[in-house]
Amino acid sequence: MKISNIFGNSGKNKNNLLQVLAKLACGINKPNKQTVLPHNSVPELWAMTKLKKVRNLGGKLGDYLVEKMNCEMMNDLLRYSEKDLSSHLGSKTG
């Protein structure tokens, strides 16, 4: 599964993905430094990012993903297909 598929393929969802990546990357070199996140470094960022730190993946959804699907880090979601996520979470959320 591609990383972009987690957030969908429409223009609006791609913007959501970019916002999530920007928010995560901006905290890496705080304060007073810039962070550049090349596309090929996204998997490395996902590997070191806890799932519940990502916007919209906290709360009940985050608890479910951690407890039922054993996803602690963002890259753990990549082992599931979109179909698998939809079957576990419902078509709207998955």
N, C-alpha and C. Protein backbone atom coordinates (compact mmCIF):
# COMPACT_ATOMS: atom_id res chain seq x y z
N MET A 1 0.84 -1.18 0.00
CA MET A 1 0.00 0.00 0.00
C MET A 1 0.88 1.24 0.00
N LYS A 2 0.53 2.19 -0.81
CA LYS A 2 1.28 3.44 -0.85
C LYS A 2 0.90 4.32 0.33
N ILE A 3 1.82 5.14 0.75
CA ILE A 3 1.57 6.04 1.87
C ILE A 3 0.42 6.98 1.55
N SER A 4 0.38 7.47 0.32
CA SER A 4 -0.69 8.42 -0.04
C SER A 4 -2.06 7.76 0.02
N ASN A 5 -2.14 6.44 -0.12
CA ASN A 5 -3.43 5.76 -0.08
C ASN A 5 -4.07 5.81 1.30
N ILE A 6 -3.26 5.99 2.33
CA ILE A 6 -3.82 6.10 3.68
C ILE A 6 -4.74 7.32 3.76
N PHE A 7 -4.39 8.37 3.06
CA PHE A 7 -5.16 9.61 3.11
C PHE A 7 -6.04 9.78 1.88
N GLY A 8 -6.03 8.83 0.95
CA GLY A 8 -6.86 8.91 -0.24
C GLY A 8 -6.12 9.54 -1.41
N ASN A 9 -6.77 9.52 -2.56
CA ASN A 9 -6.13 9.99 -3.78
C ASN A 9 -6.71 11.28 -4.34
N SER A 10 -7.77 11.78 -3.74
CA SER A 10 -8.35 13.01 -4.28
C SER A 10 -7.48 14.20 -3.91
N GLY A 11 -7.68 15.32 -4.57
CA GLY A 11 -6.90 16.52 -4.31
C GLY A 11 -7.01 16.97 -2.87
N LYS A 12 -8.21 16.92 -2.31
CA LYS A 12 -8.42 17.33 -0.92
C LYS A 12 -7.63 16.43 0.03
N ASN A 13 -7.65 15.14 -0.22
CA ASN A 13 -6.95 14.20 0.66
C ASN A 13 -5.44 14.31 0.52
N LYS A 14 -4.96 14.64 -0.68
CA LYS A 14 -3.52 14.86 -0.84
C LYS A 14 -3.08 16.07 -0.03
N ASN A 15 -3.93 17.10 0.01
CA ASN A 15 -3.62 18.26 0.85
C ASN A 15 -3.58 17.87 2.32
N ASN A 16 -4.48 16.97 2.73
CA ASN A 16 -4.47 16.49 4.11
C ASN A 16 -3.16 15.78 4.41
N LEU A 17 -2.69 14.96 3.48
CA LEU A 17 -1.42 14.26 3.67
C LEU A 17 -0.28 15.25 3.80
N LEU A 18 -0.26 16.27 2.94
CA LEU A 18 0.80 17.28 3.01
C LEU A 18 0.76 18.05 4.32
N GLN A 19 -0.44 18.33 4.81
CA GLN A 19 -0.57 19.04 6.09
C GLN A 19 -0.04 18.18 7.24
N VAL A 20 -0.36 16.90 7.22
CA VAL A 20 0.12 16.00 8.27
C VAL A 20 1.63 15.92 8.23
N LEU A 21 2.20 15.75 7.04
CA LEU A 21 3.66 15.67 6.92
C LEU A 21 4.32 16.97 7.37
N ALA A 22 3.74 18.11 7.00
CA ALA A 22 4.31 19.40 7.40
C ALA A 22 4.28 19.57 8.91
N LYS A 23 3.18 19.19 9.52
CA LYS A 23 3.05 19.34 10.98
C LYS A 23 4.05 18.44 11.70
N LEU A 24 4.23 17.23 11.21
CA LEU A 24 5.18 16.31 11.85
C LEU A 24 6.62 16.77 11.64
N ALA A 25 6.94 17.20 10.43
CA ALA A 25 8.31 17.59 10.12
C ALA A 25 8.71 18.90 10.79
N CYS A 26 7.76 19.80 10.98
CA CYS A 26 8.12 21.12 11.54
C CYS A 26 8.63 21.01 12.97
N GLY A 27 8.26 19.98 13.69
CA GLY A 27 8.71 19.84 15.06
C GLY A 27 10.06 19.17 15.22
N ILE A 28 10.65 18.69 14.14
CA ILE A 28 11.90 17.94 14.23
C ILE A 28 13.07 18.82 14.64
N ASN A 29 13.21 19.99 14.06
CA ASN A 29 14.36 20.85 14.33
C ASN A 29 13.98 22.15 15.04
N LYS A 30 13.04 22.09 15.94
CA LYS A 30 12.65 23.31 16.66
C LYS A 30 13.72 23.70 17.63
N PRO A 31 13.85 24.90 18.02
CA PRO A 31 13.28 26.11 17.42
C PRO A 31 14.23 26.72 16.40
N ASN A 32 13.71 27.62 15.61
CA ASN A 32 14.49 28.46 14.69
C ASN A 32 15.22 27.72 13.58
N LYS A 33 14.79 26.56 13.22
CA LYS A 33 15.42 25.85 12.10
C LYS A 33 14.34 25.37 11.15
N GLN A 34 14.72 25.18 9.92
CA GLN A 34 13.79 24.64 8.93
C GLN A 34 14.05 23.16 8.75
N THR A 35 13.02 22.45 8.38
CA THR A 35 13.14 21.04 8.09
C THR A 35 12.65 20.81 6.66
N VAL A 36 13.46 20.19 5.86
CA VAL A 36 13.07 19.81 4.51
C VAL A 36 12.80 18.31 4.54
N LEU A 37 11.66 17.91 4.02
CA LEU A 37 11.29 16.50 4.02
C LEU A 37 11.18 16.01 2.59
N PRO A 38 12.26 15.42 2.06
CA PRO A 38 12.19 14.87 0.71
C PRO A 38 11.20 13.70 0.66
N HIS A 39 10.59 13.52 -0.48
CA HIS A 39 9.59 12.47 -0.64
C HIS A 39 10.12 11.10 -0.22
N ASN A 40 11.39 10.81 -0.55
CA ASN A 40 11.93 9.49 -0.22
C ASN A 40 12.22 9.33 1.28
N SER A 41 12.08 10.38 2.07
CA SER A 41 12.28 10.30 3.53
C SER A 41 10.98 10.11 4.30
N VAL A 42 9.86 10.13 3.61
CA VAL A 42 8.57 9.97 4.27
C VAL A 42 8.47 8.62 4.99
N PRO A 43 8.88 7.50 4.38
CA PRO A 43 8.81 6.23 5.11
C PRO A 43 9.62 6.24 6.42
N GLU A 44 10.75 6.92 6.41
CA GLU A 44 11.56 7.03 7.63
C GLU A 44 10.83 7.84 8.69
N LEU A 45 10.15 8.91 8.27
CA LEU A 45 9.36 9.71 9.20
C LEU A 45 8.22 8.88 9.78
N TRP A 46 7.55 8.11 8.91
CA TRP A 46 6.45 7.26 9.38
C TRP A 46 6.97 6.23 10.39
N ALA A 47 8.17 5.72 10.17
CA ALA A 47 8.72 4.69 11.05
C ALA A 47 9.00 5.22 12.45
N MET A 48 9.24 6.52 12.59
CA MET A 48 9.54 7.07 13.91
C MET A 48 8.39 7.89 14.50
N THR A 49 7.21 7.85 13.86
CA THR A 49 6.07 8.62 14.32
C THR A 49 5.02 7.71 14.91
N LYS A 50 4.71 7.95 16.17
CA LYS A 50 3.64 7.18 16.81
C LYS A 50 2.31 7.55 16.17
N LEU A 51 1.51 6.54 15.94
CA LEU A 51 0.23 6.70 15.27
C LEU A 51 -0.66 7.73 15.96
N LYS A 52 -0.69 7.71 17.26
CA LYS A 52 -1.59 8.60 18.00
C LYS A 52 -1.13 10.05 18.01
N LYS A 53 0.06 10.35 17.50
CA LYS A 53 0.52 11.74 17.40
C LYS A 53 0.01 12.42 16.13
N VAL A 54 -0.56 11.64 15.23
CA VAL A 54 -1.04 12.16 13.96
C VAL A 54 -2.47 12.64 14.10
N ARG A 55 -2.70 13.84 13.56
CA ARG A 55 -4.04 14.44 13.62
C ARG A 55 -5.08 13.48 13.05
N ASN A 56 -6.20 13.37 13.72
CA ASN A 56 -7.34 12.51 13.36
C ASN A 56 -7.11 11.03 13.63
N LEU A 57 -5.97 10.66 14.17
CA LEU A 57 -5.73 9.25 14.50
C LEU A 57 -5.58 9.05 16.00
N GLY A 58 -5.97 10.02 16.77
CA GLY A 58 -5.98 9.87 18.22
C GLY A 58 -7.36 9.42 18.66
N GLY A 59 -7.64 9.47 19.91
CA GLY A 59 -8.96 9.13 20.42
C GLY A 59 -9.34 7.69 20.16
N LYS A 60 -10.63 7.47 19.93
CA LYS A 60 -11.15 6.11 19.77
C LYS A 60 -10.55 5.39 18.56
N LEU A 61 -10.40 6.12 17.45
CA LEU A 61 -9.83 5.50 16.25
C LEU A 61 -8.39 5.07 16.52
N GLY A 62 -7.60 5.91 17.13
CA GLY A 62 -6.23 5.56 17.46
C GLY A 62 -6.16 4.39 18.42
N ASP A 63 -7.03 4.39 19.43
CA ASP A 63 -7.07 3.27 20.38
C ASP A 63 -7.39 1.96 19.66
N TYR A 64 -8.37 2.01 18.74
CA TYR A 64 -8.73 0.81 18.00
C TYR A 64 -7.56 0.31 17.15
N LEU A 65 -6.90 1.22 16.45
CA LEU A 65 -5.78 0.83 15.59
C LEU A 65 -4.64 0.23 16.40
N VAL A 66 -4.38 0.78 17.58
CA VAL A 66 -3.30 0.28 18.42
C VAL A 66 -3.67 -1.07 19.03
N GLU A 67 -4.86 -1.16 19.60
CA GLU A 67 -5.25 -2.36 20.34
C GLU A 67 -5.67 -3.52 19.44
N LYS A 68 -6.49 -3.26 18.46
CA LYS A 68 -7.06 -4.34 17.64
C LYS A 68 -6.22 -4.69 16.43
N MET A 69 -5.52 -3.70 15.87
CA MET A 69 -4.78 -3.94 14.64
C MET A 69 -3.27 -3.89 14.85
N ASN A 70 -2.83 -3.72 16.09
CA ASN A 70 -1.40 -3.72 16.45
C ASN A 70 -0.58 -2.71 15.64
N CYS A 71 -1.12 -1.52 15.48
CA CYS A 71 -0.42 -0.46 14.76
C CYS A 71 0.05 0.58 15.78
N GLU A 72 1.31 0.55 16.12
CA GLU A 72 1.87 1.53 17.05
C GLU A 72 2.42 2.75 16.30
N MET A 73 3.10 2.48 15.19
CA MET A 73 3.74 3.53 14.41
C MET A 73 2.99 3.70 13.09
N MET A 74 3.17 4.86 12.45
CA MET A 74 2.47 5.13 11.19
C MET A 74 2.78 4.11 10.11
N ASN A 75 4.03 3.64 10.04
CA ASN A 75 4.36 2.69 8.99
C ASN A 75 3.68 1.33 9.20
N ASP A 76 3.18 1.06 10.40
CA ASP A 76 2.44 -0.19 10.63
C ASP A 76 1.15 -0.24 9.83
N LEU A 77 0.58 0.91 9.50
CA LEU A 77 -0.64 0.95 8.69
C LEU A 77 -0.39 0.47 7.27
N LEU A 78 0.85 0.56 6.81
CA LEU A 78 1.16 0.20 5.43
C LEU A 78 1.00 -1.28 5.14
N ARG A 79 0.97 -2.10 6.18
CA ARG A 79 0.82 -3.55 5.94
C ARG A 79 -0.62 -3.93 5.65
N TYR A 80 -1.54 -2.97 5.80
CA TYR A 80 -2.95 -3.23 5.51
C TYR A 80 -3.35 -2.58 4.20
N SER A 81 -4.14 -3.28 3.41
CA SER A 81 -4.66 -2.70 2.17
C SER A 81 -5.83 -1.79 2.51
N GLU A 82 -6.22 -0.99 1.56
CA GLU A 82 -7.37 -0.11 1.75
C GLU A 82 -8.62 -0.94 2.04
N LYS A 83 -8.73 -2.08 1.38
CA LYS A 83 -9.87 -2.98 1.58
C LYS A 83 -9.89 -3.51 3.01
N ASP A 84 -8.72 -3.90 3.54
CA ASP A 84 -8.63 -4.38 4.92
C ASP A 84 -9.05 -3.30 5.91
N LEU A 85 -8.55 -2.09 5.70
CA LEU A 85 -8.90 -0.98 6.60
C LEU A 85 -10.39 -0.69 6.54
N SER A 86 -10.97 -0.73 5.34
CA SER A 86 -12.41 -0.48 5.21
C SER A 86 -13.23 -1.55 5.90
N SER A 87 -12.77 -2.81 5.84
CA SER A 87 -13.52 -3.88 6.49
C SER A 87 -13.44 -3.76 8.02
N HIS A 88 -12.32 -3.31 8.55
CA HIS A 88 -12.17 -3.15 9.99
C HIS A 88 -12.84 -1.89 10.50
N LEU A 89 -12.76 -0.80 9.74
CA LEU A 89 -13.19 0.51 10.24
C LEU A 89 -14.47 1.03 9.63
N GLY A 90 -14.97 0.36 8.61
CA GLY A 90 -16.14 0.85 7.90
C GLY A 90 -15.71 1.63 6.67
N SER A 91 -16.58 1.71 5.69
CA SER A 91 -16.22 2.32 4.40
C SER A 91 -15.89 3.81 4.53
N LYS A 92 -16.57 4.53 5.42
CA LYS A 92 -16.32 5.95 5.55
C LYS A 92 -14.98 6.24 6.21
N THR A 93 -14.65 5.52 7.26
CA THR A 93 -13.39 5.75 7.98
C THR A 93 -12.23 5.04 7.32
N GLY A 94 -12.45 3.80 6.89
CA GLY A 94 -11.37 2.98 6.31
C GLY A 94 -10.94 3.50 4.99
